[in-house]
Amino acid sequence: MKIIVTTDSTSDIPKEIAKKRNIEVMPLLVNLEDDTFEDGVNIVNEDIFSFVDKTGALPKTGARSSEHYKEFFENAIKKHDAEAIIHIALSSEISSSCQNAIVASQEFDNVKVIDSRSLSSGCGLLALKTADLIDEGLDFETISKLTDNLTKNVQASFVIDKLNYLYKGGRCSAVAMFGANILRIKPKIKLSDGKMGVDKKYMGKFENVVATYVKDIFEEYTNIDKTRVFVTFTTENEEVNKKIEVVLKEKGFKEIIFNFAGSTIASHCGRNTLGVLFINN
């Protein structure tokens, strides 16, 4: 049986890797006032930041309908002459995309939707792990169960430089934002059971905070799957990335993927957001 992987654009998998692993990506929507764009297709993060700087408003992000997912699955099956699909969905606690994909999957006998309980490269890790299991020749049901079981093991967290996007989105109060700006607080946002929450608060320069954040996550997680790790960011800082790469190589990761977070993530977190994501065993 030929099985392929599909996922949402919020998985933030580099396009060349997705193509190599036969992973089809459903672009979610980003609305800038009256203009609608497809995440990962015709909009980049700088478009988001320029829009917010100009208007003072946040973009609106949107899920795809069940009808769109039905068409997406049909096209993916036809394109790859596939007999089955395992779809890795953005957390159901964050978006209706997962439920819409599940509704669409009921039109097929061979489409399984996995609620990632994660976002960004947390979904990407699960998608690539599923592709690994397919390459091992495991059957559809076994792969689906193994991937579903792995959702609780994904370490997905980010450090955010400034709270203004979270504030505009109603996710922190004006007082909290004022205090954070004065104290130069950089929150660590962590995915837990599919939901985002503040895990820690760091202070100081973003570069120093990132170094402490990386140190902290490797003290917290000690039984790591070293197959691959994502370093995902909304704004690239080559100096910071080089320092992180040194640490990750020392930790023994076989594949280190540096990648921009998509426009959906950038719309909610803003500039200078960075996360190191991996699967913990």
C-alpha atoms as a PDB file:
ATOM      1  CA  MET A   1       0.000   0.000   0.000  1.00  0.00           C
ATOM      2  CA  LYS A   2       1.373   3.401  -0.983  1.00  0.00           C
ATOM      3  CA  ILE A   3       0.936   5.826   1.932  1.00  0.00           C
ATOM      4  CA  ILE A   4       1.700   9.547   1.836  1.00  0.00           C
ATOM      5  CA  VAL A   5       1.770  12.287   4.455  1.00  0.00           C
ATOM      6  CA  THR A   6      -0.154  15.544   4.278  1.00  0.00           C
ATOM      7  CA  THR A   7      -0.136  18.406   6.743  1.00  0.00           C
ATOM      8  CA  ASP A   8      -1.108  22.040   7.271  1.00  0.00           C
ATOM      9  CA  SER A   9       1.163  24.924   6.271  1.00  0.00           C
ATOM     10  CA  THR A  10       1.639  25.682   9.967  1.00  0.00           C
ATOM     11  CA  SER A  11       3.921  22.633  10.120  1.00  0.00           C
ATOM     12  CA  ASP A  12       6.675  24.925   8.815  1.00  0.00           C
ATOM     13  CA  ILE A  13       8.548  22.245   6.876  1.00  0.00           C
ATOM     14  CA  PRO A  14      11.010  23.657   4.321  1.00  0.00           C
ATOM     15  CA  LYS A  15       9.559  23.243   0.837  1.00  0.00           C
ATOM     16  CA  GLU A  16      12.515  21.272  -0.478  1.00  0.00           C
ATOM     17  CA  ILE A  17      12.209  18.738   2.358  1.00  0.00           C
ATOM     18  CA  ALA A  18       8.436  18.415   1.910  1.00  0.00           C
ATOM     19  CA  LYS A  19       8.942  17.750  -1.807  1.00  0.00           C
ATOM     20  CA  LYS A  20      11.682  15.194  -1.182  1.00  0.00           C
ATOM     21  CA  ARG A  21       9.540  13.293   1.346  1.00  0.00           C
ATOM     22  CA  ASN A  22       6.330  13.469  -0.754  1.00  0.00           C
ATOM     23  CA  ILE A  23       4.567  15.554   1.880  1.00  0.00           C
ATOM     24  CA  GLU A  24       1.671  17.623   0.553  1.00  0.00           C
ATOM     25  CA  VAL A  25       0.886  20.864   2.388  1.00  0.00           C
ATOM     26  CA  MET A  26      -2.496  22.549   2.817  1.00  0.00           C
ATOM     27  CA  PRO A  27      -1.996  26.339   2.959  1.00  0.00           C
ATOM     28  CA  LEU A  28      -4.015  28.062   5.680  1.00  0.00           C
ATOM     29  CA  LEU A  29      -5.276  31.598   5.124  1.00  0.00           C
ATOM     30  CA  VAL A  30      -3.943  34.988   6.174  1.00  0.00           C
ATOM     31  CA  ASN A  31      -6.131  38.071   5.749  1.00  0.00           C
ATOM     32  CA  LEU A  32      -4.642  41.549   5.529  1.00  0.00           C
ATOM     33  CA  GLU A  33      -7.765  43.712   5.652  1.00  0.00           C
ATOM     34  CA  ASP A  34      -9.584  42.890   2.384  1.00  0.00           C
ATOM     35  CA  ASP A  35      -6.797  40.815   0.861  1.00  0.00           C
ATOM     36  CA  THR A  36      -6.579  37.061   1.437  1.00  0.00           C
ATOM     37  CA  PHE A  37      -3.303  35.172   1.075  1.00  0.00           C
ATOM     38  CA  GLU A  38      -2.244  31.538   1.333  1.00  0.00           C
ATOM     39  CA  ASP A  39       0.324  30.800   4.005  1.00  0.00           C
ATOM     40  CA  GLY A  40       3.562  29.611   2.421  1.00  0.00           C
ATOM     41  CA  VAL A  41       2.366  30.415  -1.092  1.00  0.00           C
ATOM     42  CA  ASN A  42       2.063  34.135  -1.739  1.00  0.00           C
ATOM     43  CA  ILE A  43       2.919  35.881   1.531  1.00  0.00           C
ATOM     44  CA  VAL A  44       6.093  36.152   3.637  1.00  0.00           C
ATOM     45  CA  ASN A  45       6.742  37.309   7.186  1.00  0.00           C
ATOM     46  CA  GLU A  46       7.951  40.761   6.167  1.00  0.00           C
ATOM     47  CA  ASP A  47       4.541  41.342   4.567  1.00  0.00           C
ATOM     48  CA  ILE A  48       2.996  40.662   7.976  1.00  0.00           C
ATOM     49  CA  PHE A  49       5.369  42.938   9.857  1.00  0.00           C
ATOM     50  CA  SER A  50       4.981  45.780   7.349  1.00  0.00           C
ATOM     51  CA  PHE A  51       1.190  45.503   7.551  1.00  0.00           C
ATOM     52  CA  VAL A  52       1.218  45.703  11.368  1.00  0.00           C
ATOM     53  CA  ASP A  53       3.697  48.605  11.351  1.00  0.00           C
ATOM     54  CA  LYS A  54       1.527  50.500   8.875  1.00  0.00           C
ATOM     55  CA  THR A  55      -1.954  49.791  10.246  1.00  0.00           C
ATOM     56  CA  GLY A  56      -1.386  48.940  13.913  1.00  0.00           C
ATOM     57  CA  ALA A  57      -3.710  45.956  13.413  1.00  0.00           C
ATOM     58  CA  LEU A  58      -2.951  42.260  13.360  1.00  0.00           C
ATOM     59  CA  PRO A  59      -3.689  40.078  10.338  1.00  0.00           C
ATOM     60  CA  LYS A  60      -6.493  37.560  10.721  1.00  0.00           C
ATOM     61  CA  THR A  61      -5.640  33.924  10.160  1.00  0.00           C
ATOM     62  CA  GLY A  62      -8.147  31.362   8.939  1.00  0.00           C
ATOM     63  CA  ALA A  63      -8.697  27.617   8.670  1.00  0.00           C
ATOM     64  CA  ARG A  64      -9.724  25.818   5.500  1.00  0.00           C
ATOM     65  CA  SER A  65     -13.198  24.339   5.153  1.00  0.00           C
ATOM     66  CA  SER A  66     -13.993  20.634   5.080  1.00  0.00           C
ATOM     67  CA  GLU A  67     -14.751  20.981   1.352  1.00  0.00           C
ATOM     68  CA  HIS A  68     -11.275  22.399   0.773  1.00  0.00           C
ATOM     69  CA  TYR A  69      -9.771  19.467   2.688  1.00  0.00           C
ATOM     70  CA  LYS A  70     -11.798  16.980   0.682  1.00  0.00           C
ATOM     71  CA  GLU A  71     -10.453  18.453  -2.560  1.00  0.00           C
ATOM     72  CA  PHE A  72      -6.948  18.594  -1.066  1.00  0.00           C
ATOM     73  CA  PHE A  73      -7.011  14.888  -0.149  1.00  0.00           C
ATOM     74  CA  GLU A  74      -8.417  13.919  -3.560  1.00  0.00           C
ATOM     75  CA  ASN A  75      -5.678  15.846  -5.355  1.00  0.00           C
ATOM     76  CA  ALA A  76      -2.929  14.404  -3.134  1.00  0.00           C
ATOM     77  CA  ILE A  77      -4.112  10.832  -3.769  1.00  0.00           C
ATOM     78  CA  LYS A  78      -4.271  11.440  -7.512  1.00  0.00           C
ATOM     79  CA  LYS A  79      -0.920  13.239  -7.702  1.00  0.00           C
ATOM     80  CA  HIS A  80       0.984  10.482  -5.902  1.00  0.00           C
ATOM     81  CA  ASP A  81      -1.163   7.552  -7.018  1.00  0.00           C
ATOM     82  CA  ALA A  82      -1.523   6.895  -3.285  1.00  0.00           C
ATOM     83  CA  GLU A  83      -3.748   4.394  -1.559  1.00  0.00           C
ATOM     84  CA  ALA A  84      -3.790   6.088   1.866  1.00  0.00           C
ATOM     85  CA  ILE A  85      -3.078   9.409   3.584  1.00  0.00           C
ATOM     86  CA  ILE A  86      -1.980  10.243   7.113  1.00  0.00           C
ATOM     87  CA  HIS A  87      -2.703  13.924   7.726  1.00  0.00           C
ATOM     88  CA  ILE A  88      -0.934  15.817  10.532  1.00  0.00           C
ATOM     89  CA  ALA A  89      -3.246  18.639  11.632  1.00  0.00           C
ATOM     90  CA  LEU A  90      -2.627  21.816  13.578  1.00  0.00           C
ATOM     91  CA  SER A  91      -3.780  21.400  17.199  1.00  0.00           C
ATOM     92  CA  SER A  92      -7.554  21.237  17.572  1.00  0.00           C
ATOM     93  CA  GLU A  93      -7.181  23.514  20.615  1.00  0.00           C
ATOM     94  CA  ILE A  94      -5.860  26.282  18.365  1.00  0.00           C
ATOM     95  CA  SER A  95      -7.757  26.008  15.090  1.00  0.00           C
ATOM     96  CA  SER A  96     -10.836  24.425  13.532  1.00  0.00           C
ATOM     97  CA  SER A  97      -8.574  23.080  10.768  1.00  0.00           C
ATOM     98  CA  CYS A  98      -8.256  19.727  12.505  1.00  0.00           C
ATOM     99  CA  GLN A  99     -11.999  19.199  12.858  1.00  0.00           C
ATOM    100  CA  ASN A 100     -12.589  20.296   9.273  1.00  0.00           C
ATOM    101  CA  ALA A 101      -9.982  17.819   8.072  1.00  0.00           C
ATOM    102  CA  ILE A 102     -11.620  15.053  10.129  1.00  0.00           C
ATOM    103  CA  VAL A 103     -15.014  15.825   8.566  1.00  0.00           C
ATOM    104  CA  ALA A 104     -13.446  15.643   5.099  1.00  0.00           C
ATOM    105  CA  SER A 105     -11.629  12.388   5.918  1.00  0.00           C
ATOM    106  CA  GLN A 106     -14.964  10.683   6.547  1.00  0.00           C
ATOM    107  CA  GLU A 107     -15.563  10.821   2.807  1.00  0.00           C
ATOM    108  CA  PHE A 108     -12.645   8.404   2.344  1.00  0.00           C
ATOM    109  CA  ASP A 109     -11.799   4.899   3.522  1.00  0.00           C
ATOM    110  CA  ASN A 110      -8.090   5.575   3.602  1.00  0.00           C
ATOM    111  CA  VAL A 111      -7.472   8.987   5.200  1.00  0.00           C
ATOM    112  CA  LYS A 112      -6.438   9.246   8.859  1.00  0.00           C
ATOM    113  CA  VAL A 113      -6.237  12.668  10.557  1.00  0.00           C
ATOM    114  CA  ILE A 114      -3.858  12.994  13.505  1.00  0.00           C
ATOM    115  CA  ASP A 115      -4.465  15.870  15.924  1.00  0.00           C
ATOM    116  CA  SER A 116      -0.870  16.971  16.483  1.00  0.00           C
ATOM    117  CA  ARG A 117      -1.716  18.815  19.711  1.00  0.00           C
ATOM    118  CA  SER A 118       1.024  21.132  18.500  1.00  0.00           C
ATOM    119  CA  LEU A 119       1.845  23.854  16.020  1.00  0.00           C
ATOM    120  CA  SER A 120       4.620  25.048  13.731  1.00  0.00           C
ATOM    121  CA  SER A 121       7.534  22.635  13.521  1.00  0.00           C
ATOM    122  CA  GLY A 122       5.959  20.484  16.222  1.00  0.00           C
ATOM    123  CA  CYS A 123       3.585  19.388  13.453  1.00  0.00           C
ATOM    124  CA  GLY A 124       6.555  19.222  11.094  1.00  0.00           C
ATOM    125  CA  LEU A 125       8.373  16.797  13.367  1.00  0.00           C
ATOM    126  CA  LEU A 126       5.366  14.478  13.408  1.00  0.00           C
ATOM    127  CA  ALA A 127       4.956  14.702   9.637  1.00  0.00           C
ATOM    128  CA  LEU A 128       8.597  13.790   9.032  1.00  0.00           C
ATOM    129  CA  LYS A 129       8.506  11.021  11.639  1.00  0.00           C
ATOM    130  CA  THR A 130       5.460   9.596   9.865  1.00  0.00           C
ATOM    131  CA  ALA A 131       7.390   9.703   6.585  1.00  0.00           C
ATOM    132  CA  ASP A 132      10.224   7.814   8.308  1.00  0.00           C
ATOM    133  CA  LEU A 133       7.791   5.097   9.426  1.00  0.00           C
ATOM    134  CA  ILE A 134       6.405   4.835   5.893  1.00  0.00           C
ATOM    135  CA  ASP A 135       9.951   4.343   4.601  1.00  0.00           C
ATOM    136  CA  GLU A 136      10.369   1.512   7.117  1.00  0.00           C
ATOM    137  CA  GLY A 137       7.519  -0.301   5.390  1.00  0.00           C
ATOM    138  CA  LEU A 138       5.101  -0.363   8.317  1.00  0.00           C
ATOM    139  CA  ASP A 139       1.393  -0.729   7.622  1.00  0.00           C
ATOM    140  CA  PHE A 140      -1.180   2.079   7.657  1.00  0.00           C
ATOM    141  CA  GLU A 141      -2.778   1.251  11.028  1.00  0.00           C
ATOM    142  CA  THR A 142       0.554   0.767  12.793  1.00  0.00           C
ATOM    143  CA  ILE A 143       1.946   4.053  11.501  1.00  0.00           C
ATOM    144  CA  SER A 144      -1.236   5.915  12.470  1.00  0.00           C
ATOM    145  CA  LYS A 145      -1.104   4.556  16.023  1.00  0.00           C
ATOM    146  CA  LEU A 146       2.622   5.221  16.456  1.00  0.00           C
ATOM    147  CA  THR A 147       2.284   8.801  15.203  1.00  0.00           C
ATOM    148  CA  ASP A 148      -0.753   9.455  17.384  1.00  0.00           C
ATOM    149  CA  ASN A 149       1.143   8.165  20.429  1.00  0.00           C
ATOM    150  CA  LEU A 150       4.061  10.486  19.644  1.00  0.00           C
ATOM    151  CA  THR A 151       1.957  13.662  19.832  1.00  0.00           C
ATOM    152  CA  LYS A 152       2.457  13.844  23.605  1.00  0.00           C
ATOM    153  CA  ASN A 153       6.242  13.638  23.195  1.00  0.00           C
ATOM    154  CA  VAL A 154       6.758  16.711  21.019  1.00  0.00           C
ATOM    155  CA  GLN A 155       8.697  19.480  22.733  1.00  0.00           C
ATOM    156  CA  ALA A 156       7.301  22.652  21.160  1.00  0.00           C
ATOM    157  CA  SER A 157       8.205  26.011  22.669  1.00  0.00           C
ATOM    158  CA  PHE A 158       9.260  29.476  21.586  1.00  0.00           C
ATOM    159  CA  VAL A 159      10.840  32.572  23.055  1.00  0.00           C
ATOM    160  CA  ILE A 160       9.185  35.841  22.052  1.00  0.00           C
ATOM    161  CA  ASP A 161      11.161  39.074  21.998  1.00  0.00           C
ATOM    162  CA  LYS A 162       8.282  41.547  22.386  1.00  0.00           C
ATOM    163  CA  LEU A 163       4.701  41.154  23.590  1.00  0.00           C
ATOM    164  CA  ASN A 164       3.079  43.723  21.294  1.00  0.00           C
ATOM    165  CA  TYR A 165       1.614  41.118  18.924  1.00  0.00           C
ATOM    166  CA  LEU A 166       0.266  39.043  21.809  1.00  0.00           C
ATOM    167  CA  TYR A 167      -1.177  42.216  23.292  1.00  0.00           C
ATOM    168  CA  LYS A 168      -2.856  43.238  20.029  1.00  0.00           C
ATOM    169  CA  GLY A 169      -4.281  39.741  19.781  1.00  0.00           C
ATOM    170  CA  GLY A 170      -5.768  39.972  23.270  1.00  0.00           C
ATOM    171  CA  ARG A 171      -3.400  37.420  24.776  1.00  0.00           C
ATOM    172  CA  CYS A 172      -1.815  39.698  27.390  1.00  0.00           C
ATOM    173  CA  SER A 173      -2.982  42.762  29.275  1.00  0.00           C
ATOM    174  CA  ALA A 174      -1.748  46.326  28.799  1.00  0.00           C
ATOM    175  CA  VAL A 175      -0.252  46.244  32.297  1.00  0.00           C
ATOM    176  CA  ALA A 176       1.616  43.018  31.576  1.00  0.00           C
ATOM    177  CA  MET A 177       2.911  44.441  28.317  1.00  0.00           C
ATOM    178  CA  PHE A 178       4.031  47.664  30.013  1.00  0.00           C
ATOM    179  CA  GLY A 179       5.843  45.714  32.709  1.00  0.00           C
ATOM    180  CA  ALA A 180       7.462  43.412  30.179  1.00  0.00           C
ATOM    181  CA  ASN A 181       8.736  46.350  28.139  1.00  0.00           C
ATOM    182  CA  ILE A 182      10.217  48.044  31.205  1.00  0.00           C
ATOM    183  CA  LEU A 183      11.842  44.856  32.492  1.00  0.00           C
ATOM    184  CA  ARG A 184      12.713  43.529  29.026  1.00  0.00           C
ATOM    185  CA  ILE A 185      10.863  40.304  29.747  1.00  0.00           C
ATOM    186  CA  LYS A 186      10.892  37.652  27.032  1.00  0.00           C
ATOM    187  CA  PRO A 187       8.280  34.950  27.676  1.00  0.00           C
ATOM    188  CA  LYS A 188       8.751  31.304  26.762  1.00  0.00           C
ATOM    189  CA  ILE A 189       5.535  30.031  25.195  1.00  0.00           C
ATOM    190  CA  LYS A 190       5.097  26.265  25.519  1.00  0.00           C
ATOM    191  CA  LEU A 191       2.574  23.876  23.990  1.00  0.00           C
ATOM    192  CA  SER A 192       0.978  21.672  26.621  1.00  0.00           C
ATOM    193  CA  ASP A 193      -1.888  19.318  25.758  1.00  0.00           C
ATOM    194  CA  GLY A 194      -2.464  21.249  22.582  1.00  0.00           C
ATOM    195  CA  LYS A 195      -2.690  24.679  24.199  1.00  0.00           C
ATOM    196  CA  MET A 196      -0.268  27.592  24.348  1.00  0.00           C
ATOM    197  CA  GLY A 197       0.775  28.997  27.703  1.00  0.00           C
ATOM    198  CA  VAL A 198       3.591  30.977  29.319  1.00  0.00           C
ATOM    199  CA  ASP A 199       6.102  28.524  30.777  1.00  0.00           C
ATOM    200  CA  LYS A 200       8.919  30.838  31.854  1.00  0.00           C
ATOM    201  CA  LYS A 201       9.847  34.497  31.755  1.00  0.00           C
ATOM    202  CA  TYR A 202      13.345  35.578  30.827  1.00  0.00           C
ATOM    203  CA  MET A 203      14.930  39.010  31.075  1.00  0.00           C
ATOM    204  CA  GLY A 204      17.640  40.755  29.108  1.00  0.00           C
ATOM    205  CA  LYS A 205      18.899  40.865  25.544  1.00  0.00           C
ATOM    206  CA  PHE A 206      17.155  38.503  23.147  1.00  0.00           C
ATOM    207  CA  GLU A 207      20.460  36.850  22.175  1.00  0.00           C
ATOM    208  CA  ASN A 208      21.289  36.064  25.818  1.00  0.00           C
ATOM    209  CA  VAL A 209      17.745  34.902  26.522  1.00  0.00           C
ATOM    210  CA  VAL A 210      17.887  32.441  23.613  1.00  0.00           C
ATOM    211  CA  ALA A 211      21.104  30.929  24.980  1.00  0.00           C
ATOM    212  CA  THR A 212      19.491  30.440  28.409  1.00  0.00           C
ATOM    213  CA  TYR A 213      16.318  29.046  26.835  1.00  0.00           C
ATOM    214  CA  VAL A 214      18.280  26.439  24.883  1.00  0.00           C
ATOM    215  CA  LYS A 215      20.217  25.464  28.003  1.00  0.00           C
ATOM    216  CA  ASP A 216      16.982  25.129  29.980  1.00  0.00           C
ATOM    217  CA  ILE A 217      15.151  22.895  27.518  1.00  0.00           C
ATOM    218  CA  PHE A 218      18.035  20.431  27.400  1.00  0.00           C
ATOM    219  CA  GLU A 219      18.092  20.304  31.174  1.00  0.00           C
ATOM    220  CA  GLU A 220      14.347  19.618  31.200  1.00  0.00           C
ATOM    221  CA  TYR A 221      14.340  17.002  28.412  1.00  0.00           C
ATOM    222  CA  THR A 222      17.011  14.319  28.708  1.00  0.00           C
ATOM    223  CA  ASN A 223      15.656  11.352  26.717  1.00  0.00           C
ATOM    224  CA  ILE A 224      15.643  12.929  23.282  1.00  0.00           C
ATOM    225  CA  ASP A 225      15.086  11.412  19.853  1.00  0.00           C
ATOM    226  CA  LYS A 226      18.250  12.631  18.118  1.00  0.00           C
ATOM    227  CA  THR A 227      16.914  11.955  14.615  1.00  0.00           C
ATOM    228  CA  ARG A 228      16.148  15.619  13.939  1.00  0.00           C
ATOM    229  CA  VAL A 229      15.595  19.013  15.507  1.00  0.00           C
ATOM    230  CA  PHE A 230      14.019  22.200  14.182  1.00  0.00           C
ATOM    231  CA  VAL A 231      15.223  25.727  14.878  1.00  0.00           C
ATOM    232  CA  THR A 232      12.256  27.798  13.769  1.00  0.00           C
ATOM    233  CA  PHE A 233      12.178  31.594  13.739  1.00  0.00           C
ATOM    234  CA  THR A 234      10.115  34.487  12.435  1.00  0.00           C
ATOM    235  CA  THR A 235      13.203  36.651  11.875  1.00  0.00           C
ATOM    236  CA  GLU A 236      16.572  35.196  10.977  1.00  0.00           C
ATOM    237  CA  ASN A 237      19.588  36.038  13.152  1.00  0.00           C
ATOM    238  CA  GLU A 238      22.627  34.267  11.720  1.00  0.00           C
ATOM    239  CA  GLU A 239      24.804  34.868  14.776  1.00  0.00           C
ATOM    240  CA  VAL A 240      22.205  33.391  17.128  1.00  0.00           C
ATOM    241  CA  ASN A 241      21.627  30.434  14.793  1.00  0.00           C
ATOM    242  CA  LYS A 242      25.333  29.624  14.601  1.00  0.00           C
ATOM    243  CA  LYS A 243      25.558  29.469  18.397  1.00  0.00           C
ATOM    244  CA  ILE A 244      22.498  27.230  18.595  1.00  0.00           C
ATOM    245  CA  GLU A 245      23.913  24.963  15.881  1.00  0.00           C
ATOM    246  CA  VAL A 246      27.070  24.394  17.939  1.00  0.00           C
ATOM    247  CA  VAL A 247      24.969  23.250  20.907  1.00  0.00           C
ATOM    248  CA  LEU A 248      22.760  20.982  18.772  1.00  0.00           C
ATOM    249  CA  LYS A 249      25.769  19.320  17.137  1.00  0.00           C
ATOM    250  CA  GLU A 250      27.246  18.704  20.579  1.00  0.00           C
ATOM    251  CA  LYS A 251      23.943  17.092  21.591  1.00  0.00           C
ATOM    252  CA  GLY A 252      24.306  14.668  18.693  1.00  0.00           C
ATOM    253  CA  PHE A 253      21.313  15.532  16.491  1.00  0.00           C
ATOM    254  CA  LYS A 254      21.605  13.854  13.104  1.00  0.00           C
ATOM    255  CA  GLU A 255      19.498  16.394  11.185  1.00  0.00           C
ATOM    256  CA  ILE A 256      19.339  20.070  12.153  1.00  0.00           C
ATOM    257  CA  ILE A 257      16.714  22.055  10.256  1.00  0.00           C
ATOM    258  CA  PHE A 258      16.762  25.859  10.359  1.00  0.00           C
ATOM    259  CA  ASN A 259      13.582  27.340   8.953  1.00  0.00           C
ATOM    260  CA  PHE A 260      11.328  30.378   8.947  1.00  0.00           C
ATOM    261  CA  ALA A 261       8.038  30.041  10.782  1.00  0.00           C
ATOM    262  CA  GLY A 262       5.181  30.659   8.389  1.00  0.00           C
ATOM    263  CA  SER A 263       2.965  33.693   8.179  1.00  0.00           C
ATOM    264  CA  THR A 264       0.341  32.167  10.486  1.00  0.00           C
ATOM    265  CA  ILE A 265       2.828  31.961  13.364  1.00  0.00           C
ATOM    266  CA  ALA A 266       4.345  35.356  12.538  1.00  0.00           C
ATOM    267  CA  SER A 267       0.881  36.924  12.648  1.00  0.00           C
ATOM    268  CA  HIS A 268       0.517  36.005  16.312  1.00  0.00           C
ATOM    269  CA  CYS A 269       4.090  36.288  17.614  1.00  0.00           C
ATOM    270  CA  GLY A 270       5.811  39.042  15.635  1.00  0.00           C
ATOM    271  CA  ARG A 271       9.480  39.612  14.947  1.00  0.00           C
ATOM    272  CA  ASN A 272      12.276  37.814  16.774  1.00  0.00           C
ATOM    273  CA  THR A 273      10.406  34.722  17.849  1.00  0.00           C
ATOM    274  CA  LEU A 274      12.511  31.561  17.988  1.00  0.00           C
ATOM    275  CA  GLY A 275      11.935  27.979  19.030  1.00  0.00           C
ATOM    276  CA  VAL A 276      13.979  24.777  19.258  1.00  0.00           C
ATOM    277  CA  LEU A 277      11.662  21.807  18.714  1.00  0.00           C
ATOM    278  CA  PHE A 278      12.271  18.056  18.915  1.00  0.00           C
ATOM    279  CA  ILE A 279      10.665  14.792  19.945  1.00  0.00           C
ATOM    280  CA  ASN A 280      11.406  13.639  23.474  1.00  0.00           C
ATOM    281  CA  ASN A 281      11.190   9.899  24.118  1.00  0.00           C
END
